[in-house]
Amino acid sequence: QVQLVESGGGLVQPGGSLRLSCVASGRILSTISMDWYRQAPGKERELVASMTGGGNTGYADSVKGRFTVSRDNAKNTLYLQMNSLMPEDTTVYYCRYLRVWGQGTLVTVSS
């Protein structure tokens, strides 16, 4: 059974950077896409970034040019490099593999 564990969240000032990690345990296929989502209180979960098994990436308009998704298949790990963070990026970030979700990691952007 696959489990996902996110880490790397925390408090950062506007304009700062954070790198989130999502480590998968169990058997996962490198050919299957993995995604980063985020969900603010009272809002629907939003797709932030995706990486296909072939290495293609996609981003929400709100994070294009600031966030970069990457994947290390040898380590079963998905990353999200977040630069130029803004207060509106504050929320819980989740990774997803097929129907499996991690527990989330909180990112707070505040001065």
C-alpha atoms as a PDB file:
ATOM      1  CA  GLN A   1       0.000   0.000   0.000  1.00  0.00           C
ATOM      2  CA  VAL A   2       1.368   3.377  -1.016  1.00  0.00           C
ATOM      3  CA  GLN A   3       1.745   6.109   1.574  1.00  0.00           C
ATOM      4  CA  LEU A   4       2.842   9.688   0.990  1.00  0.00           C
ATOM      5  CA  VAL A   5       4.558  11.925   3.526  1.00  0.00           C
ATOM      6  CA  GLU A   6       5.102  15.620   2.844  1.00  0.00           C
ATOM      7  CA  SER A   7       7.638  17.819   4.589  1.00  0.00           C
ATOM      8  CA  GLY A   8       9.388  21.141   4.175  1.00  0.00           C
ATOM      9  CA  GLY A   9       6.604  23.525   5.100  1.00  0.00           C
ATOM     10  CA  GLY A  10       7.073  26.346   7.548  1.00  0.00           C
ATOM     11  CA  LEU A  11       7.030  30.082   8.068  1.00  0.00           C
ATOM     12  CA  VAL A  12       8.746  32.267   5.501  1.00  0.00           C
ATOM     13  CA  GLN A  13       8.751  35.968   4.735  1.00  0.00           C
ATOM     14  CA  PRO A  14       7.227  37.309   1.520  1.00  0.00           C
ATOM     15  CA  GLY A  15       9.706  36.914  -1.291  1.00  0.00           C
ATOM     16  CA  GLY A  16      11.310  33.930   0.368  1.00  0.00           C
ATOM     17  CA  SER A  17      11.637  30.330  -0.730  1.00  0.00           C
ATOM     18  CA  LEU A  18      10.747  26.890   0.500  1.00  0.00           C
ATOM     19  CA  ARG A  19      11.251  23.403  -0.883  1.00  0.00           C
ATOM     20  CA  LEU A  20       8.581  20.828  -0.201  1.00  0.00           C
ATOM     21  CA  SER A  21       9.241  17.102  -0.398  1.00  0.00           C
ATOM     22  CA  CYS A  22       6.845  14.207  -0.749  1.00  0.00           C
ATOM     23  CA  VAL A  23       8.290  10.777  -0.048  1.00  0.00           C
ATOM     24  CA  ALA A  24       6.352   7.762  -1.222  1.00  0.00           C
ATOM     25  CA  SER A  25       6.588   4.417   0.515  1.00  0.00           C
ATOM     26  CA  GLY A  26       5.380   1.234  -1.057  1.00  0.00           C
ATOM     27  CA  ARG A  27       5.484   0.424  -4.690  1.00  0.00           C
ATOM     28  CA  ILE A  28       4.938   3.329  -7.050  1.00  0.00           C
ATOM     29  CA  LEU A  29       5.367   3.481 -10.775  1.00  0.00           C
ATOM     30  CA  SER A  30       7.608   6.159 -12.197  1.00  0.00           C
ATOM     31  CA  THR A  31       5.358   6.231 -15.253  1.00  0.00           C
ATOM     32  CA  ILE A  32       2.430   7.557 -13.239  1.00  0.00           C
ATOM     33  CA  SER A  33       1.975  11.277 -12.693  1.00  0.00           C
ATOM     34  CA  MET A  34       2.367  12.859  -9.289  1.00  0.00           C
ATOM     35  CA  ASP A  35       0.867  16.167  -8.289  1.00  0.00           C
ATOM     36  CA  TRP A  36       0.982  18.957  -5.751  1.00  0.00           C
ATOM     37  CA  TYR A  37      -2.287  20.481  -4.532  1.00  0.00           C
ATOM     38  CA  ARG A  38      -3.132  23.102  -1.976  1.00  0.00           C
ATOM     39  CA  GLN A  39      -6.282  23.922  -0.079  1.00  0.00           C
ATOM     40  CA  ALA A  40      -7.068  27.079   1.816  1.00  0.00           C
ATOM     41  CA  PRO A  41      -9.795  27.078   4.485  1.00  0.00           C
ATOM     42  CA  GLY A  42     -13.228  27.290   2.927  1.00  0.00           C
ATOM     43  CA  LYS A  43     -11.895  26.760  -0.582  1.00  0.00           C
ATOM     44  CA  GLU A  44     -11.691  23.804  -2.912  1.00  0.00           C
ATOM     45  CA  ARG A  45      -8.463  21.924  -3.294  1.00  0.00           C
ATOM     46  CA  GLU A  46      -6.412  23.487  -6.099  1.00  0.00           C
ATOM     47  CA  LEU A  47      -3.988  21.718  -8.418  1.00  0.00           C
ATOM     48  CA  VAL A  48      -0.679  23.571  -8.130  1.00  0.00           C
ATOM     49  CA  ALA A  49       1.778  21.513 -10.161  1.00  0.00           C
ATOM     50  CA  SER A  50       2.006  18.161 -11.912  1.00  0.00           C
ATOM     51  CA  MET A  51       4.749  16.006 -13.275  1.00  0.00           C
ATOM     52  CA  THR A  52       3.975  13.151 -15.639  1.00  0.00           C
ATOM     53  CA  GLY A  53       5.927   9.950 -15.782  1.00  0.00           C
ATOM     54  CA  GLY A  54       7.578  11.259 -18.914  1.00  0.00           C
ATOM     55  CA  GLY A  55       8.795  14.366 -17.133  1.00  0.00           C
ATOM     56  CA  ASN A  56       6.300  16.837 -18.522  1.00  0.00           C
ATOM     57  CA  THR A  57       5.191  19.496 -16.073  1.00  0.00           C
ATOM     58  CA  GLY A  58       2.171  21.692 -15.637  1.00  0.00           C
ATOM     59  CA  TYR A  59       1.413  24.577 -13.302  1.00  0.00           C
ATOM     60  CA  ALA A  60      -1.468  26.660 -12.098  1.00  0.00           C
ATOM     61  CA  ASP A  61      -1.378  30.164 -13.551  1.00  0.00           C
ATOM     62  CA  SER A  62      -0.984  31.584 -10.070  1.00  0.00           C
ATOM     63  CA  VAL A  63       2.386  29.869  -9.546  1.00  0.00           C
ATOM     64  CA  LYS A  64       3.914  29.804 -13.041  1.00  0.00           C
ATOM     65  CA  GLY A  65       7.406  31.207 -13.058  1.00  0.00           C
ATOM     66  CA  ARG A  66       7.697  30.912  -9.273  1.00  0.00           C
ATOM     67  CA  PHE A  67       7.238  27.215  -8.488  1.00  0.00           C
ATOM     68  CA  THR A  68       9.107  24.275  -9.973  1.00  0.00           C
ATOM     69  CA  VAL A  69       8.088  20.634  -9.624  1.00  0.00           C
ATOM     70  CA  SER A  70      10.657  17.870  -9.894  1.00  0.00           C
ATOM     71  CA  ARG A  71      10.906  14.189  -9.152  1.00  0.00           C
ATOM     72  CA  ASP A  72      13.605  11.763  -8.097  1.00  0.00           C
ATOM     73  CA  ASN A  73      12.341   8.321  -9.049  1.00  0.00           C
ATOM     74  CA  ALA A  74      15.289   6.595  -7.379  1.00  0.00           C
ATOM     75  CA  LYS A  75      14.214   8.133  -4.079  1.00  0.00           C
ATOM     76  CA  ASN A  76      10.457   7.903  -4.707  1.00  0.00           C
ATOM     77  CA  THR A  77      10.305  11.612  -3.972  1.00  0.00           C
ATOM     78  CA  LEU A  78       8.409  14.504  -5.492  1.00  0.00           C
ATOM     79  CA  TYR A  79       9.624  18.047  -4.849  1.00  0.00           C
ATOM     80  CA  LEU A  80       8.126  21.510  -5.107  1.00  0.00           C
ATOM     81  CA  GLN A  81      10.575  24.402  -5.145  1.00  0.00           C
ATOM     82  CA  MET A  82       8.670  27.551  -4.264  1.00  0.00           C
ATOM     83  CA  ASN A  83      10.299  30.928  -4.875  1.00  0.00           C
ATOM     84  CA  SER A  84       9.048  34.497  -4.589  1.00  0.00           C
ATOM     85  CA  LEU A  85       6.448  33.363  -2.100  1.00  0.00           C
ATOM     86  CA  MET A  86       3.489  35.617  -1.443  1.00  0.00           C
ATOM     87  CA  PRO A  87       1.032  35.748   1.455  1.00  0.00           C
ATOM     88  CA  GLU A  88      -1.651  34.268  -0.786  1.00  0.00           C
ATOM     89  CA  ASP A  89       0.451  31.111  -1.072  1.00  0.00           C
ATOM     90  CA  THR A  90      -0.277  30.451   2.599  1.00  0.00           C
ATOM     91  CA  THR A  91      -2.131  27.186   2.993  1.00  0.00           C
ATOM     92  CA  VAL A  92      -1.682  23.433   3.377  1.00  0.00           C
ATOM     93  CA  TYR A  93       0.080  21.666   0.492  1.00  0.00           C
ATOM     94  CA  TYR A  94      -0.624  18.041  -0.390  1.00  0.00           C
ATOM     95  CA  CYS A  95       0.922  15.598  -2.790  1.00  0.00           C
ATOM     96  CA  ARG A  96      -1.067  13.000  -4.664  1.00  0.00           C
ATOM     97  CA  TYR A  97      -0.333   9.727  -6.421  1.00  0.00           C
ATOM     98  CA  LEU A  98      -3.366   8.187  -8.095  1.00  0.00           C
ATOM     99  CA  ARG A  99      -5.984   8.137  -5.302  1.00  0.00           C
ATOM    100  CA  VAL A 100      -3.483   8.390  -2.484  1.00  0.00           C
ATOM    101  CA  TRP A 101      -2.974  11.682  -0.639  1.00  0.00           C
ATOM    102  CA  GLY A 102      -0.416  12.740   1.890  1.00  0.00           C
ATOM    103  CA  GLN A 103      -1.304  14.395   5.189  1.00  0.00           C
ATOM    104  CA  GLY A 104      -0.208  17.824   4.013  1.00  0.00           C
ATOM    105  CA  THR A 105       2.409  20.342   5.077  1.00  0.00           C
ATOM    106  CA  LEU A 106       1.585  23.885   6.126  1.00  0.00           C
ATOM    107  CA  VAL A 107       3.191  26.826   4.372  1.00  0.00           C
ATOM    108  CA  THR A 108       2.820  30.251   5.969  1.00  0.00           C
ATOM    109  CA  VAL A 109       4.047  33.349   4.174  1.00  0.00           C
ATOM    110  CA  SER A 110       4.055  36.317   6.489  1.00  0.00           C
ATOM    111  CA  SER A 111       6.262  39.164   7.663  1.00  0.00           C
END
